[in-house]
Amino acid sequence: SASNRSALIRIPASRGISTRTEIRCPDPTCNPYLALAMMLNSGLDGVKNNLTPPAEVKRDIFKMTAAEMEAEGISVMPGSLKEALEELKANPIAKPTLGEHIYEKYIIAKEKEWDSFRTAVTDWELEKYLTVY
């Protein structure tokens, strides 16, 4: 999208010698080298397989309902680390892009991180459930 700042990938409207692409999805805590490797290889995979990019979305995606997004063919990013890991494991180019060693070690580390997060007791849970039960 040229002017829509809610799009996942944006090519700003001003063009010319300084045309750039904005990838708006990486988490600021990600490893930039691994993220860039995955994005570049995903793009190359699309070129090699003659994939057609979806049409530009001109509406503000943040203001769309789930039904409107589905009607436009817009899918949402994973809502948790667990969902993101499931997507990564299902991605056929992830292991070849990252290499088997990094891929396997990354999955193991992030599964441990998810398990730690999943089993942590939060202040909200303590306040909500200890006062009720």
N, C-alpha and C. Protein backbone atom coordinates (compact mmCIF):
# COMPACT_ATOMS: atom_id res chain seq x y z
N SER A 1 0.84 -1.18 0.00
CA SER A 1 0.00 0.00 0.00
C SER A 1 0.89 1.25 0.00
N ALA A 2 0.53 2.21 -0.78
CA ALA A 2 1.35 3.42 -0.90
C ALA A 2 1.13 4.40 0.24
N SER A 3 -0.11 4.54 0.71
CA SER A 3 -0.38 5.53 1.74
C SER A 3 -0.97 4.93 3.01
N ASN A 4 -1.31 3.67 3.01
CA ASN A 4 -1.94 3.03 4.15
C ASN A 4 -0.86 2.55 5.13
N ARG A 5 -0.78 3.18 6.29
CA ARG A 5 0.24 2.82 7.27
C ARG A 5 -0.15 1.60 8.11
N SER A 6 -1.34 1.05 7.90
CA SER A 6 -1.73 -0.14 8.65
C SER A 6 -1.39 -1.43 7.91
N ALA A 7 -0.90 -1.31 6.70
CA ALA A 7 -0.57 -2.50 5.90
C ALA A 7 0.72 -3.15 6.41
N LEU A 8 0.81 -4.46 6.27
CA LEU A 8 1.97 -5.21 6.71
C LEU A 8 3.22 -4.85 5.92
N ILE A 9 3.06 -4.71 4.62
CA ILE A 9 4.15 -4.31 3.74
C ILE A 9 3.71 -3.04 3.02
N ARG A 10 4.56 -2.04 3.02
CA ARG A 10 4.19 -0.75 2.45
C ARG A 10 5.31 -0.24 1.57
N ILE A 11 4.95 0.23 0.39
CA ILE A 11 5.89 0.94 -0.48
C ILE A 11 5.37 2.37 -0.55
N PRO A 12 6.04 3.31 0.15
CA PRO A 12 5.53 4.68 0.24
C PRO A 12 5.26 5.30 -1.13
N ALA A 13 4.31 6.24 -1.14
CA ALA A 13 3.84 6.86 -2.38
C ALA A 13 4.94 7.58 -3.14
N SER A 14 5.83 8.27 -2.44
CA SER A 14 6.90 8.99 -3.15
C SER A 14 7.87 7.97 -3.73
N ARG A 15 8.08 8.06 -5.02
CA ARG A 15 8.91 7.08 -5.72
C ARG A 15 10.13 7.77 -6.30
N GLY A 16 10.87 7.06 -7.06
CA GLY A 16 12.07 7.61 -7.67
C GLY A 16 13.28 6.86 -7.21
N ILE A 17 14.40 7.55 -7.16
CA ILE A 17 15.67 6.90 -6.83
C ILE A 17 15.70 6.40 -5.39
N SER A 18 14.88 6.96 -4.52
CA SER A 18 14.90 6.55 -3.11
C SER A 18 13.70 5.68 -2.74
N THR A 19 13.09 5.01 -3.69
CA THR A 19 11.96 4.14 -3.39
C THR A 19 12.41 3.07 -2.40
N ARG A 20 11.59 2.82 -1.42
CA ARG A 20 11.94 1.83 -0.41
C ARG A 20 10.72 0.96 -0.09
N THR A 21 10.97 -0.10 0.59
CA THR A 21 9.90 -0.98 1.07
C THR A 21 9.93 -0.95 2.58
N GLU A 22 8.77 -0.83 3.20
CA GLU A 22 8.68 -0.88 4.66
C GLU A 22 8.02 -2.19 5.05
N ILE A 23 8.70 -2.96 5.85
CA ILE A 23 8.14 -4.18 6.40
C ILE A 23 7.76 -3.83 7.83
N ARG A 24 6.47 -3.82 8.13
CA ARG A 24 5.99 -3.24 9.37
C ARG A 24 5.66 -4.26 10.46
N CYS A 25 5.99 -5.53 10.23
CA CYS A 25 5.56 -6.55 11.18
C CYS A 25 6.60 -7.05 12.18
N PRO A 26 7.90 -6.97 11.93
CA PRO A 26 8.82 -7.61 12.89
C PRO A 26 8.72 -7.01 14.29
N ASP A 27 8.75 -7.89 15.26
CA ASP A 27 8.78 -7.48 16.65
C ASP A 27 10.13 -6.81 16.90
N PRO A 28 10.16 -5.72 17.67
CA PRO A 28 11.44 -5.04 17.90
C PRO A 28 12.46 -5.90 18.66
N THR A 29 12.01 -7.00 19.27
CA THR A 29 12.95 -7.86 19.98
C THR A 29 13.49 -8.99 19.12
N CYS A 30 13.08 -9.03 17.85
CA CYS A 30 13.53 -10.13 16.98
C CYS A 30 15.00 -9.98 16.63
N ASN A 31 15.59 -11.07 16.19
CA ASN A 31 16.95 -11.03 15.67
C ASN A 31 16.85 -10.47 14.25
N PRO A 32 17.39 -9.29 13.99
CA PRO A 32 17.20 -8.68 12.67
C PRO A 32 17.80 -9.50 11.52
N TYR A 33 18.86 -10.24 11.80
CA TYR A 33 19.49 -11.04 10.75
C TYR A 33 18.60 -12.22 10.35
N LEU A 34 18.03 -12.88 11.34
CA LEU A 34 17.13 -14.00 11.04
C LEU A 34 15.86 -13.51 10.37
N ALA A 35 15.32 -12.39 10.86
CA ALA A 35 14.10 -11.83 10.28
C ALA A 35 14.33 -11.42 8.82
N LEU A 36 15.44 -10.75 8.57
CA LEU A 36 15.74 -10.31 7.20
C LEU A 36 15.97 -11.51 6.28
N ALA A 37 16.67 -12.52 6.78
CA ALA A 37 16.89 -13.73 5.97
C ALA A 37 15.56 -14.37 5.59
N MET A 38 14.65 -14.47 6.55
CA MET A 38 13.34 -15.07 6.25
C MET A 38 12.54 -14.22 5.27
N MET A 39 12.56 -12.90 5.45
CA MET A 39 11.81 -12.03 4.53
C MET A 39 12.38 -12.08 3.12
N LEU A 40 13.70 -12.02 3.00
CA LEU A 40 14.31 -12.06 1.67
C LEU A 40 14.06 -13.39 0.97
N ASN A 41 14.23 -14.48 1.70
CA ASN A 41 14.01 -15.79 1.08
C ASN A 41 12.54 -16.03 0.77
N SER A 42 11.65 -15.47 1.58
CA SER A 42 10.22 -15.57 1.27
C SER A 42 9.90 -14.83 -0.01
N GLY A 43 10.48 -13.64 -0.17
CA GLY A 43 10.28 -12.88 -1.40
C GLY A 43 10.84 -13.61 -2.61
N LEU A 44 12.03 -14.17 -2.48
CA LEU A 44 12.63 -14.93 -3.57
C LEU A 44 11.79 -16.16 -3.92
N ASP A 45 11.24 -16.80 -2.89
CA ASP A 45 10.37 -17.96 -3.12
C ASP A 45 9.13 -17.54 -3.92
N GLY A 46 8.58 -16.38 -3.60
CA GLY A 46 7.44 -15.86 -4.35
C GLY A 46 7.78 -15.60 -5.80
N VAL A 47 8.96 -15.05 -6.04
CA VAL A 47 9.40 -14.77 -7.42
C VAL A 47 9.61 -16.09 -8.17
N LYS A 48 10.32 -17.03 -7.55
CA LYS A 48 10.60 -18.32 -8.19
C LYS A 48 9.32 -19.07 -8.55
N ASN A 49 8.31 -18.95 -7.69
CA ASN A 49 7.06 -19.69 -7.90
C ASN A 49 5.98 -18.85 -8.57
N ASN A 50 6.37 -17.68 -9.09
CA ASN A 50 5.44 -16.79 -9.80
C ASN A 50 4.18 -16.48 -9.01
N LEU A 51 4.34 -16.26 -7.71
CA LEU A 51 3.19 -15.92 -6.88
C LEU A 51 2.77 -14.48 -7.16
N THR A 52 1.48 -14.26 -7.21
CA THR A 52 0.94 -12.93 -7.44
C THR A 52 0.63 -12.30 -6.09
N PRO A 53 1.18 -11.13 -5.80
CA PRO A 53 0.86 -10.49 -4.52
C PRO A 53 -0.61 -10.09 -4.48
N PRO A 54 -1.18 -10.04 -3.29
CA PRO A 54 -2.57 -9.62 -3.19
C PRO A 54 -2.74 -8.16 -3.59
N ALA A 55 -3.97 -7.79 -3.88
CA ALA A 55 -4.26 -6.41 -4.26
C ALA A 55 -3.99 -5.47 -3.09
N GLU A 56 -3.68 -4.24 -3.41
CA GLU A 56 -3.43 -3.21 -2.40
C GLU A 56 -4.69 -2.99 -1.57
N VAL A 57 -4.52 -2.86 -0.27
CA VAL A 57 -5.63 -2.55 0.63
C VAL A 57 -5.54 -1.07 0.96
N LYS A 58 -6.58 -0.33 0.62
CA LYS A 58 -6.55 1.12 0.85
C LYS A 58 -7.23 1.52 2.15
N ARG A 59 -7.99 0.62 2.74
CA ARG A 59 -8.67 0.92 4.00
C ARG A 59 -7.72 0.75 5.18
N ASP A 60 -8.05 1.39 6.29
CA ASP A 60 -7.27 1.25 7.52
C ASP A 60 -7.60 -0.12 8.11
N ILE A 61 -6.65 -1.02 8.07
CA ILE A 61 -6.88 -2.39 8.52
C ILE A 61 -7.21 -2.43 10.01
N PHE A 62 -6.65 -1.49 10.78
CA PHE A 62 -6.90 -1.46 12.22
C PHE A 62 -8.37 -1.17 12.54
N LYS A 63 -9.09 -0.57 11.60
CA LYS A 63 -10.49 -0.22 11.83
C LYS A 63 -11.46 -1.25 11.23
N MET A 64 -10.93 -2.28 10.60
CA MET A 64 -11.77 -3.30 9.97
C MET A 64 -12.17 -4.36 10.99
N THR A 65 -13.37 -4.90 10.82
CA THR A 65 -13.81 -6.01 11.66
C THR A 65 -13.17 -7.30 11.14
N ALA A 66 -13.26 -8.34 11.94
CA ALA A 66 -12.72 -9.64 11.52
C ALA A 66 -13.41 -10.12 10.25
N ALA A 67 -14.72 -9.90 10.15
CA ALA A 67 -15.47 -10.32 8.96
C ALA A 67 -15.02 -9.53 7.73
N GLU A 68 -14.79 -8.23 7.89
CA GLU A 68 -14.33 -7.41 6.76
C GLU A 68 -12.94 -7.84 6.30
N MET A 69 -12.08 -8.15 7.27
CA MET A 69 -10.74 -8.60 6.91
C MET A 69 -10.80 -9.93 6.17
N GLU A 70 -11.64 -10.83 6.65
CA GLU A 70 -11.77 -12.13 5.99
C GLU A 70 -12.30 -11.97 4.57
N ALA A 71 -13.27 -11.07 4.39
CA ALA A 71 -13.84 -10.83 3.05
C ALA A 71 -12.79 -10.28 2.09
N GLU A 72 -11.83 -9.52 2.62
CA GLU A 72 -10.75 -8.95 1.80
C GLU A 72 -9.58 -9.92 1.63
N GLY A 73 -9.65 -11.08 2.29
CA GLY A 73 -8.56 -12.04 2.20
C GLY A 73 -7.36 -11.67 3.06
N ILE A 74 -7.60 -10.88 4.11
CA ILE A 74 -6.52 -10.44 5.00
C ILE A 74 -6.47 -11.37 6.20
N SER A 75 -5.34 -12.00 6.41
CA SER A 75 -5.18 -12.85 7.58
C SER A 75 -4.41 -12.08 8.65
N VAL A 76 -4.60 -12.48 9.88
CA VAL A 76 -3.96 -11.78 10.99
C VAL A 76 -2.67 -12.49 11.38
N MET A 77 -1.80 -11.76 12.01
CA MET A 77 -0.55 -12.33 12.50
C MET A 77 -0.87 -13.26 13.67
N PRO A 78 0.01 -14.19 13.98
CA PRO A 78 -0.22 -15.07 15.14
C PRO A 78 -0.44 -14.25 16.40
N GLY A 79 -1.34 -14.72 17.26
CA GLY A 79 -1.69 -14.00 18.47
C GLY A 79 -0.84 -14.36 19.67
N SER A 80 0.00 -15.36 19.54
CA SER A 80 0.84 -15.78 20.66
C SER A 80 2.13 -16.39 20.11
N LEU A 81 3.08 -16.56 20.99
CA LEU A 81 4.33 -17.21 20.61
C LEU A 81 4.06 -18.64 20.16
N LYS A 82 3.12 -19.31 20.81
CA LYS A 82 2.77 -20.69 20.42
C LYS A 82 2.26 -20.72 18.99
N GLU A 83 1.35 -19.81 18.65
CA GLU A 83 0.82 -19.75 17.28
C GLU A 83 1.93 -19.41 16.28
N ALA A 84 2.83 -18.52 16.67
CA ALA A 84 3.93 -18.15 15.78
C ALA A 84 4.86 -19.35 15.53
N LEU A 85 5.11 -20.13 16.56
CA LEU A 85 5.94 -21.33 16.40
C LEU A 85 5.27 -22.35 15.49
N GLU A 86 3.95 -22.50 15.62
CA GLU A 86 3.22 -23.42 14.74
C GLU A 86 3.33 -22.97 13.29
N GLU A 87 3.23 -21.66 13.06
CA GLU A 87 3.37 -21.13 11.70
C GLU A 87 4.80 -21.35 11.17
N LEU A 88 5.78 -21.13 12.02
CA LEU A 88 7.18 -21.33 11.62
C LEU A 88 7.42 -22.79 11.23
N LYS A 89 6.93 -23.72 12.05
CA LYS A 89 7.12 -25.14 11.77
C LYS A 89 6.41 -25.57 10.48
N ALA A 90 5.31 -24.91 10.15
CA ALA A 90 4.55 -25.25 8.94
C ALA A 90 5.13 -24.60 7.68
N ASN A 91 6.07 -23.68 7.85
CA ASN A 91 6.64 -22.94 6.73
C ASN A 91 7.72 -23.79 6.05
N PRO A 92 7.52 -24.17 4.79
CA PRO A 92 8.49 -25.06 4.14
C PRO A 92 9.85 -24.44 3.85
N ILE A 93 9.96 -23.12 3.88
CA ILE A 93 11.27 -22.52 3.60
C ILE A 93 12.02 -22.10 4.85
N ALA A 94 11.41 -22.26 6.04
CA ALA A 94 12.07 -21.81 7.27
C ALA A 94 13.37 -22.56 7.54
N LYS A 95 13.31 -23.88 7.54
CA LYS A 95 14.51 -24.66 7.86
C LYS A 95 15.61 -24.46 6.82
N PRO A 96 15.30 -24.51 5.51
CA PRO A 96 16.36 -24.26 4.53
C PRO A 96 16.95 -22.85 4.63
N THR A 97 16.13 -21.88 5.00
CA THR A 97 16.61 -20.50 5.11
C THR A 97 17.54 -20.32 6.30
N LEU A 98 17.12 -20.81 7.44
CA LEU A 98 17.88 -20.61 8.68
C LEU A 98 19.00 -21.63 8.85
N GLY A 99 18.89 -22.74 8.17
CA GLY A 99 19.83 -23.84 8.38
C GLY A 99 19.31 -24.72 9.51
N GLU A 100 19.58 -26.00 9.40
CA GLU A 100 19.01 -26.95 10.37
C GLU A 100 19.42 -26.64 11.80
N HIS A 101 20.69 -26.30 12.05
CA HIS A 101 21.16 -26.06 13.41
C HIS A 101 20.43 -24.87 14.06
N ILE A 102 20.44 -23.73 13.38
CA ILE A 102 19.77 -22.55 13.94
C ILE A 102 18.28 -22.80 14.08
N TYR A 103 17.66 -23.39 13.06
CA TYR A 103 16.23 -23.67 13.10
C TYR A 103 15.87 -24.51 14.32
N GLU A 104 16.57 -25.62 14.52
CA GLU A 104 16.25 -26.53 15.64
C GLU A 104 16.49 -25.84 16.99
N LYS A 105 17.63 -25.15 17.13
CA LYS A 105 17.94 -24.48 18.40
C LYS A 105 16.95 -23.35 18.69
N TYR A 106 16.54 -22.64 17.65
CA TYR A 106 15.56 -21.56 17.81
C TYR A 106 14.23 -22.13 18.29
N ILE A 107 13.76 -23.20 17.66
CA ILE A 107 12.50 -23.82 18.06
C ILE A 107 12.57 -24.26 19.52
N ILE A 108 13.65 -24.92 19.90
CA ILE A 108 13.80 -25.38 21.29
C ILE A 108 13.78 -24.21 22.26
N ALA A 109 14.53 -23.15 21.96
CA ALA A 109 14.59 -21.99 22.85
C ALA A 109 13.23 -21.32 22.98
N LYS A 110 12.53 -21.16 21.87
CA LYS A 110 11.24 -20.47 21.91
C LYS A 110 10.15 -21.34 22.54
N GLU A 111 10.24 -22.66 22.41
CA GLU A 111 9.29 -23.53 23.11
C GLU A 111 9.49 -23.45 24.62
N LYS A 112 10.75 -23.36 25.06
CA LYS A 112 11.03 -23.16 26.49
C LYS A 112 10.48 -21.81 26.95
N GLU A 113 10.67 -20.79 26.14
CA GLU A 113 10.16 -19.46 26.47
C GLU A 113 8.64 -19.49 26.59
N TRP A 114 7.96 -20.14 25.64
CA TRP A 114 6.50 -20.23 25.68
C TRP A 114 6.05 -20.98 26.93
N ASP A 115 6.73 -22.07 27.27
CA ASP A 115 6.35 -22.85 28.44
C ASP A 115 6.52 -22.03 29.71
N SER A 116 7.58 -21.24 29.78
CA SER A 116 7.80 -20.36 30.93
C SER A 116 6.70 -19.31 31.03
N PHE A 117 6.35 -18.72 29.90
CA PHE A 117 5.28 -17.71 29.88
C PHE A 117 3.94 -18.33 30.26
N ARG A 118 3.66 -19.49 29.68
CA ARG A 118 2.37 -20.16 29.88
C ARG A 118 2.15 -20.56 31.33
N THR A 119 3.21 -20.90 32.03
CA THR A 119 3.07 -21.37 33.41
C THR A 119 3.25 -20.26 34.45
N ALA A 120 3.57 -19.07 34.02
CA ALA A 120 3.76 -17.95 34.96
C ALA A 120 2.41 -17.50 35.51
N VAL A 121 2.38 -17.20 36.78
CA VAL A 121 1.18 -16.68 37.42
C VAL A 121 1.30 -15.16 37.43
N THR A 122 0.30 -14.49 36.85
CA THR A 122 0.36 -13.03 36.74
C THR A 122 -0.35 -12.35 37.90
N ASP A 123 -0.07 -11.08 38.09
CA ASP A 123 -0.77 -10.29 39.11
C ASP A 123 -2.27 -10.30 38.86
N TRP A 124 -2.67 -10.23 37.59
CA TRP A 124 -4.10 -10.24 37.25
C TRP A 124 -4.75 -11.53 37.75
N GLU A 125 -4.09 -12.67 37.52
CA GLU A 125 -4.65 -13.95 37.97
C GLU A 125 -4.76 -14.00 39.49
N LEU A 126 -3.73 -13.53 40.17
CA LEU A 126 -3.78 -13.52 41.63
C LEU A 126 -4.92 -12.65 42.13
N GLU A 127 -5.04 -11.45 41.58
CA GLU A 127 -6.10 -10.54 42.00
C GLU A 127 -7.48 -11.08 41.65
N LYS A 128 -7.62 -11.60 40.46
CA LYS A 128 -8.91 -12.08 39.97
C LYS A 128 -9.38 -13.32 40.71
N TYR A 129 -8.52 -14.31 40.87
CA TYR A 129 -8.97 -15.61 41.36
C TYR A 129 -8.78 -15.82 42.86
N LEU A 130 -7.77 -15.23 43.46
CA LEU A 130 -7.60 -15.42 44.90
C LEU A 130 -8.67 -14.69 45.70
N THR A 131 -9.18 -13.61 45.16
CA THR A 131 -10.23 -12.87 45.87
C THR A 131 -11.61 -13.49 45.65
N VAL A 132 -11.76 -14.27 44.60
CA VAL A 132 -13.06 -14.87 44.28
C VAL A 132 -13.21 -16.23 44.95
N TYR A 133 -12.15 -17.01 44.97
CA TYR A 133 -12.25 -18.39 45.47
C TYR A 133 -11.60 -18.50 46.81
